[in-house]
């Protein structure tokens, strides 16, 4: 099969579009003929060598979000057959012992992730535990399905399992043009929350409104603390959903209401953050919460919500697999809204 891989850290020039051996399933595995895979920021960060997950090795085939058709099944697989249209849960927590990808499920240590620590979707075929594939409705395209796994599970886990967002609350979501935030906006609205979204351009703010955000602000030209206070008539928001990190951390804390919580699941603008006022933190009962990895049992219910709800598929652009370097450059420059797709 053809795959886009790299053997050392660096820019797009380290990619090699080469022939590699087809994956062979273990007793509890399936092989997916990849129809679409969507990009995530971790793809770029690991390629550049800025950060790499525990267990990362070279050569590396990225691509955490895989959708396609089952082309081979292991001897012990039941409930999945050749020809099934499926999307994969990339987290390798909860994998059965009869899978070649078993033993990588330490949620707080060496958690295996398809496309991050084992071969992923930047290829024509991908090995996946049979327990980690979910049927795609006939009416849904492969590209549509590939936008789901990483961003929707990240957003749902942070908003609901960690942050306990409920109907009637207010939540401010940063970086509205990113995949995880387009998912978060829609999930929060679907749950009955009022959504304040911020983004780095006015155009992205307008598109966030179209996705369902109730109020928007350009976070490069607007005081987001004042924005949040104005919208909530001085009260502040119940939650900030943040994966930006350094750039907006302090203003986000001051945007929170009494007993508000900041839920963080990323550090795209930097890994260090300053708490500008400990007095404000303890006097207001503010909570800062890290969003840990989602559990295997969370994937199915969120997938069902996605399939059965009125969620807009936000695809910025589609690239051929051989053009993965250009696709990643587009992501690195933040010149996108929604998900970027690769197709073999």
Protein backbone atom coordinates (compact mmCIF):
# COMPACT_ATOMS: atom_id res chain seq x y z
CA UNK A 1 0.00 0.00 0.00
CA UNK A 2 0.98 3.65 -0.34
CA UNK A 3 1.65 5.62 2.82
CA UNK A 4 2.84 9.10 3.75
CA UNK A 5 5.46 8.65 6.47
CA UNK A 6 8.54 10.28 7.95
CA UNK A 7 11.70 8.98 9.65
CA UNK A 8 12.91 12.12 11.42
CA UNK A 9 11.51 15.39 12.77
CA UNK A 10 11.30 18.41 10.53
CA UNK A 11 9.19 20.37 8.08
CA UNK A 12 7.03 19.02 5.26
CA UNK A 13 10.16 17.92 3.41
CA UNK A 14 10.57 14.93 5.77
CA UNK A 15 7.45 13.29 4.36
CA UNK A 16 7.99 10.32 2.04
CA UNK A 17 5.21 8.95 -0.16
CA UNK A 18 6.27 5.32 -0.36
CA UNK A 19 5.14 1.70 -0.62
CA UNK A 20 4.93 -0.19 2.69
CA UNK A 21 3.61 -3.62 3.62
CA UNK A 22 -0.15 -4.00 4.01
CA UNK A 23 -1.21 -4.48 7.65
CA UNK A 24 -2.32 -7.99 8.62
CA UNK A 25 -5.05 -8.33 11.27
CA UNK A 26 -4.59 -10.21 14.51
CA UNK A 27 -7.45 -12.42 15.70
CA UNK A 28 -9.29 -9.42 17.18
CA UNK A 29 -8.50 -6.84 14.50
CA UNK A 30 -9.84 -5.47 11.25
CA UNK A 31 -8.09 -3.72 8.37
CA UNK A 32 -9.77 -0.62 6.97
CA UNK A 33 -9.30 0.58 3.41
CA UNK A 34 -8.95 4.28 4.24
CA UNK A 35 -11.36 6.54 2.36
CA UNK A 36 -10.73 9.68 4.41
CA UNK A 37 -8.68 10.85 7.37
CA UNK A 38 -8.83 14.29 8.95
CA UNK A 39 -5.92 16.30 10.32
CA UNK A 40 -5.33 17.19 13.95
CA UNK A 41 -2.78 19.59 15.40
CA UNK A 42 -0.92 16.71 17.04
CA UNK A 43 -0.07 15.45 13.52
CA UNK A 44 1.93 18.62 12.90
CA UNK A 45 3.40 18.95 16.39
CA UNK A 46 4.80 15.40 16.32
CA UNK A 47 6.20 15.78 12.81
CA UNK A 48 8.02 18.97 13.79
CA UNK A 49 9.36 17.27 16.90
CA UNK A 50 7.91 19.91 19.25
CA UNK A 51 6.14 17.21 21.27
CA UNK A 52 5.74 13.47 20.82
CA UNK A 53 3.48 11.11 22.70
CA UNK A 54 5.01 8.44 24.95
CA UNK A 55 5.53 5.40 22.73
CA UNK A 56 6.05 7.42 19.55
CA UNK A 57 8.53 5.77 17.16
CA UNK A 58 9.97 6.21 13.67
CA UNK A 59 8.99 5.64 10.94
CA UNK A 60 5.66 7.26 11.71
CA UNK A 61 2.36 7.21 9.80
CA UNK A 62 0.05 9.88 11.24
CA UNK A 63 -3.74 10.16 11.00
CA UNK A 64 -5.92 9.64 14.07
CA UNK A 65 -9.33 10.05 12.42
CA UNK A 66 -9.94 7.16 10.06
CA UNK A 67 -13.05 6.29 8.04
CA UNK A 68 -13.34 3.67 5.33
CA UNK A 69 -14.39 0.16 4.37
CA UNK A 70 -13.38 -3.04 6.16
CA UNK A 71 -11.25 -5.16 3.83
CA UNK A 72 -10.02 -7.89 6.20
CA UNK A 73 -11.08 -9.30 9.59
CA UNK A 74 -9.31 -11.43 12.17
CA UNK A 75 -10.33 -15.01 12.97
CA UNK A 76 -12.03 -14.09 16.25
CA UNK A 77 -13.95 -11.05 14.99
CA UNK A 78 -17.73 -11.09 15.23
CA UNK A 79 -20.15 -8.30 14.46
CA UNK A 80 -17.91 -6.71 11.83
CA UNK A 81 -17.52 -8.04 8.29
CA UNK A 82 -15.68 -7.26 5.08
CA UNK A 83 -17.47 -4.46 3.25
CA UNK A 84 -18.74 -2.65 6.36
CA UNK A 85 -18.42 1.15 6.30
CA UNK A 86 -16.81 2.18 9.59
CA UNK A 87 -15.17 4.95 11.58
CA UNK A 88 -12.45 4.14 14.12
CA UNK A 89 -12.04 5.13 17.76
CA UNK A 90 -8.32 6.05 17.76
CA UNK A 91 -7.74 5.60 21.51
CA UNK A 92 -6.29 2.18 22.30
CA UNK A 93 -7.74 2.02 25.81
CA UNK A 94 -9.86 -1.08 26.38
CA UNK A 95 -8.38 -3.16 23.54
CA UNK A 96 -8.83 -6.94 23.84
CA UNK A 97 -5.79 -9.17 24.31
CA UNK A 98 -6.33 -10.87 20.93
CA UNK A 99 -5.58 -7.63 19.07
CA UNK A 100 -2.10 -6.76 17.79
CA UNK A 101 -2.67 -3.34 19.39
CA UNK A 102 -3.41 -4.63 22.90
CA UNK A 103 -1.47 -3.52 25.97
CA UNK A 104 -1.30 0.18 25.13
CA UNK A 105 -4.23 1.40 27.19
CA UNK A 106 -2.63 3.20 30.14
CA UNK A 107 -4.81 6.34 30.21
CA UNK A 108 -2.34 8.27 32.38
CA UNK A 109 0.89 6.82 31.00
CA UNK A 110 1.67 5.16 27.69
CA UNK A 111 -1.77 5.49 26.12
CA UNK A 112 -1.65 4.20 22.56
CA UNK A 113 -3.40 6.22 19.86
CA UNK A 114 -3.90 5.21 16.24
CA UNK A 115 -2.02 7.74 14.13
CA UNK A 116 -0.04 9.03 17.11
CA UNK A 117 1.86 6.06 18.54
CA UNK A 118 0.92 3.38 15.98
CA UNK A 119 0.31 3.60 12.24
CA UNK A 120 -2.70 5.70 11.28
CA UNK A 121 -4.74 7.00 8.38
CA UNK A 122 -2.10 8.71 6.23
CA UNK A 123 -2.10 5.49 4.22
CA UNK A 124 -4.29 3.37 2.00
CA UNK A 125 -4.96 0.86 4.79
CA UNK A 126 -5.07 0.99 8.58
CA UNK A 127 -5.11 -1.68 11.31
CA UNK A 128 -7.77 -1.16 14.01
CA UNK A 129 -9.08 -3.33 16.88
CA UNK A 130 -12.50 -4.70 15.90
CA UNK A 131 -13.87 -3.41 19.22
CA UNK A 132 -12.99 0.13 18.15
CA UNK A 133 -14.93 0.46 14.89
CA UNK A 134 -18.44 1.90 14.56
CA UNK A 135 -20.86 1.63 11.65
CA UNK A 136 -21.27 4.70 9.45
CA UNK A 137 -24.88 5.38 8.35
CA UNK A 138 -25.47 4.82 4.65
CA UNK A 139 -26.42 8.47 4.24
CA UNK A 140 -23.12 9.73 5.70
CA UNK A 141 -20.00 10.25 3.57
CA UNK A 142 -16.60 8.97 4.65
CA UNK A 143 -15.28 12.54 4.78
CA UNK A 144 -18.17 13.49 7.07
CA UNK A 145 -17.42 10.57 9.40
CA UNK A 146 -13.69 11.34 9.49
CA UNK A 147 -14.36 14.77 11.01
CA UNK A 148 -15.75 13.14 14.15
CA UNK A 149 -13.41 11.06 16.34
CA UNK A 150 -10.74 13.24 17.91
CA UNK A 151 -12.49 16.60 18.03
CA UNK A 152 -15.95 15.44 19.10
CA UNK A 153 -14.66 13.09 21.80
CA UNK A 154 -12.22 15.72 23.06
CA UNK A 155 -14.95 18.37 23.20
CA UNK A 156 -17.65 16.13 24.67
CA UNK A 157 -15.36 14.77 27.38
CA UNK A 158 -14.16 18.26 28.35
CA UNK A 159 -17.57 19.91 28.32
CA UNK A 160 -19.66 17.24 29.98
CA UNK A 161 -17.59 14.55 31.71
CA UNK A 162 -15.03 16.96 33.15
CA UNK A 163 -16.81 20.32 33.10
CA UNK A 164 -20.37 19.10 33.87
CA UNK A 165 -21.94 21.65 31.51
CA UNK A 166 -25.74 21.61 31.75
CA UNK A 167 -28.65 23.29 30.01
CA UNK A 168 -29.08 26.94 30.90
CA UNK A 169 -25.39 27.59 31.61
CA UNK A 170 -23.07 29.88 29.67
CA UNK A 171 -19.82 28.69 28.14
CA UNK A 172 -17.11 30.65 26.32
CA UNK A 173 -15.25 28.66 23.65
CA UNK A 174 -11.98 29.94 22.19
CA UNK A 175 -10.43 29.34 18.75
CA UNK A 176 -13.83 28.94 17.14
CA UNK A 177 -12.37 28.00 13.77
CA UNK A 178 -10.57 24.90 15.05
CA UNK A 179 -12.04 21.44 14.68
CA UNK A 180 -12.44 20.87 18.41
CA UNK A 181 -14.18 24.22 18.86
CA UNK A 182 -16.58 23.77 15.95
CA UNK A 183 -17.52 20.50 17.63
CA UNK A 184 -17.70 22.13 21.06
CA UNK A 185 -19.97 24.95 19.87
CA UNK A 186 -22.46 22.49 18.41
CA UNK A 187 -22.34 20.05 21.32
CA UNK A 188 -22.85 22.85 23.87
CA UNK A 189 -25.79 24.29 21.92
CA UNK A 190 -27.27 20.81 21.53
CA UNK A 191 -27.12 20.47 25.32
CA UNK A 192 -29.01 23.73 25.87
CA UNK A 193 -26.13 26.03 26.84
CA UNK A 194 -25.62 29.65 25.77
CA UNK A 195 -22.40 29.79 23.75
CA UNK A 196 -19.95 32.69 23.55
CA UNK A 197 -17.31 32.02 20.90
CA UNK A 198 -14.04 33.85 20.25
CA UNK A 199 -11.76 33.65 17.23
CA UNK A 200 -8.81 35.47 15.69
CA UNK A 201 -10.66 36.99 12.72
CA UNK A 202 -14.04 38.60 12.15
CA UNK A 203 -14.74 36.09 9.37
CA UNK A 204 -14.28 33.16 11.75
CA UNK A 205 -16.57 34.87 14.25
CA UNK A 206 -19.30 35.16 11.64
CA UNK A 207 -18.93 31.49 10.76
CA UNK A 208 -19.17 30.60 14.46
CA UNK A 209 -22.52 32.42 14.58
CA UNK A 210 -23.70 30.32 11.66
CA UNK A 211 -22.75 27.19 13.61
CA UNK A 212 -24.97 28.22 16.49
CA UNK A 213 -22.88 30.45 18.75
CA UNK A 214 -25.07 33.05 20.47
CA UNK A 215 -22.40 35.74 20.83
CA UNK A 216 -18.95 36.16 19.22
CA UNK A 217 -15.86 38.30 19.66
CA UNK A 218 -12.55 38.72 17.88
CA UNK A 219 -10.06 37.75 20.60
CA UNK A 220 -7.26 39.75 18.99
CA UNK A 221 -9.11 43.06 18.99
CA UNK A 222 -11.56 42.62 21.89
CA UNK A 223 -11.13 42.41 25.65
CA UNK A 224 -12.67 38.97 26.13
CA UNK A 225 -13.18 39.53 29.85
CA UNK A 226 -15.26 42.63 29.13
CA UNK A 227 -17.06 40.76 26.34
CA UNK A 228 -18.07 37.94 28.68
CA UNK A 229 -19.14 40.34 31.42
CA UNK A 230 -21.21 42.43 29.02
CA UNK A 231 -23.05 39.47 27.52
CA UNK A 232 -23.83 38.03 30.96
CA UNK A 233 -24.82 41.41 32.46
CA UNK A 234 -21.81 41.45 34.75
CA UNK A 235 -22.14 37.91 36.08
CA UNK A 236 -19.48 36.14 34.00
CA UNK A 237 -19.66 32.81 32.22
CA UNK A 238 -20.13 29.49 33.99
CA UNK A 239 -17.39 27.78 31.97
CA UNK A 240 -14.51 28.58 29.66
CA UNK A 241 -13.58 25.75 27.27
CA UNK A 242 -9.93 26.38 26.45
CA UNK A 243 -7.36 24.64 24.30
CA UNK A 244 -5.43 27.81 23.44
CA UNK A 245 -3.47 28.03 26.68
CA UNK A 246 -1.04 30.90 27.28
CA UNK A 247 -2.57 33.64 25.13
CA UNK A 248 -6.03 33.78 26.69
CA UNK A 249 -5.57 32.09 30.05
CA UNK A 250 -5.58 35.15 32.34
CA UNK A 251 -8.49 36.98 30.69
CA UNK A 252 -10.44 33.72 30.69
CA UNK A 253 -10.13 33.41 34.47
CA UNK A 254 -11.48 36.94 34.95
CA UNK A 255 -14.36 36.17 32.56
CA UNK A 256 -15.69 33.45 34.89
CA UNK A 257 -18.64 33.82 37.23
CA UNK A 258 -18.54 32.95 40.93
CA UNK A 259 -17.75 29.20 41.13
CA UNK A 260 -16.98 29.19 37.40
CA UNK A 261 -14.65 26.61 35.91
CA UNK A 262 -11.98 26.78 33.23
CA UNK A 263 -11.62 23.44 31.45
CA UNK A 264 -8.38 23.09 29.51
CA UNK A 265 -7.57 20.42 26.92
CA UNK A 266 -4.74 21.98 24.94
CA UNK A 267 -1.86 24.43 24.67
CA UNK A 268 -1.76 25.65 21.08
CA UNK A 269 -0.38 29.09 22.03
CA UNK A 270 2.09 27.86 24.63
CA UNK A 271 2.56 25.52 27.57
CA UNK A 272 2.96 28.10 30.34
CA UNK A 273 0.12 30.12 31.85
CA UNK A 274 -0.05 32.72 34.58
CA UNK A 275 -2.77 33.07 37.19
CA UNK A 276 -2.96 36.86 37.39
CA UNK A 277 -4.69 36.97 40.77
CA UNK A 278 -4.76 34.20 43.34
CA UNK A 279 -7.10 36.41 45.34
CA UNK A 280 -9.64 36.37 42.52
CA UNK A 281 -9.17 32.62 42.17
CA UNK A 282 -9.89 31.66 45.76
CA UNK A 283 -12.30 34.47 46.58
CA UNK A 284 -14.53 33.56 43.62
CA UNK A 285 -14.19 29.81 44.04
CA UNK A 286 -12.79 29.42 40.53
CA UNK A 287 -11.92 25.89 39.36
CA UNK A 288 -9.16 25.13 36.83
CA UNK A 289 -9.73 21.65 35.44
CA UNK A 290 -7.56 19.58 33.13
CA UNK A 291 -9.46 17.41 30.67
CA UNK A 292 -7.91 13.93 30.75
CA UNK A 293 -8.26 11.22 28.05
CA UNK A 294 -11.77 10.01 27.26
CA UNK A 295 -12.78 6.44 28.11
CA UNK A 296 -13.71 3.75 25.55
CA UNK A 297 -17.32 3.69 26.74
CA UNK A 298 -17.77 7.36 25.86
CA UNK A 299 -17.20 6.95 22.12
CA UNK A 300 -20.40 5.09 21.18
CA UNK A 301 -22.88 7.46 22.85
CA UNK A 302 -21.22 10.57 21.39
CA UNK A 303 -21.13 8.91 17.94
CA UNK A 304 -24.86 8.16 18.25
CA UNK A 305 -25.53 11.79 19.18
CA UNK A 306 -23.53 12.92 16.15
CA UNK A 307 -25.30 10.53 13.78
CA UNK A 308 -28.79 11.33 15.05
CA UNK A 309 -28.44 15.07 15.62
CA UNK A 310 -28.46 18.07 13.34
CA UNK A 311 -24.72 18.74 13.41
CA UNK A 312 -23.13 20.70 10.59
CA UNK A 313 -20.12 19.04 9.02
CA UNK A 314 -17.40 21.66 8.91
CA UNK A 315 -14.82 20.73 6.26
CA UNK A 316 -12.40 23.46 5.29
CA UNK A 317 -10.59 21.68 2.46
CA UNK A 318 -9.57 18.31 1.05
CA UNK A 319 -6.07 17.24 -0.05
CA UNK A 320 -4.70 14.13 -1.73
CA UNK A 321 -2.64 11.90 0.56
CA UNK A 322 0.52 12.77 -1.37
CA UNK A 323 -0.10 16.44 -0.50
CA UNK A 324 -0.14 15.90 3.27
CA UNK A 325 2.69 18.39 3.73
CA UNK A 326 0.67 21.19 2.15
CA UNK A 327 -2.36 20.22 4.24
CA UNK A 328 -0.32 20.38 7.44
CA UNK A 329 1.15 23.74 6.46
CA UNK A 330 -2.37 25.10 6.09
CA UNK A 331 -3.18 23.90 9.60
CA UNK A 332 0.02 25.33 11.08
CA UNK A 333 -0.74 28.76 9.60
CA UNK A 334 -4.26 28.68 11.14
CA UNK A 335 -5.61 29.39 7.66
CA UNK A 336 -8.65 27.14 8.05
CA UNK A 337 -12.09 26.78 9.61
CA UNK A 338 -13.17 23.30 10.63
CA UNK A 339 -11.45 20.12 9.50
CA UNK A 340 -8.87 19.45 6.78
CA UNK A 341 -9.29 16.10 5.04
CA UNK A 342 -6.83 13.75 3.32
CA UNK A 343 -7.97 11.15 0.80
CA UNK A 344 -5.76 8.34 -0.56
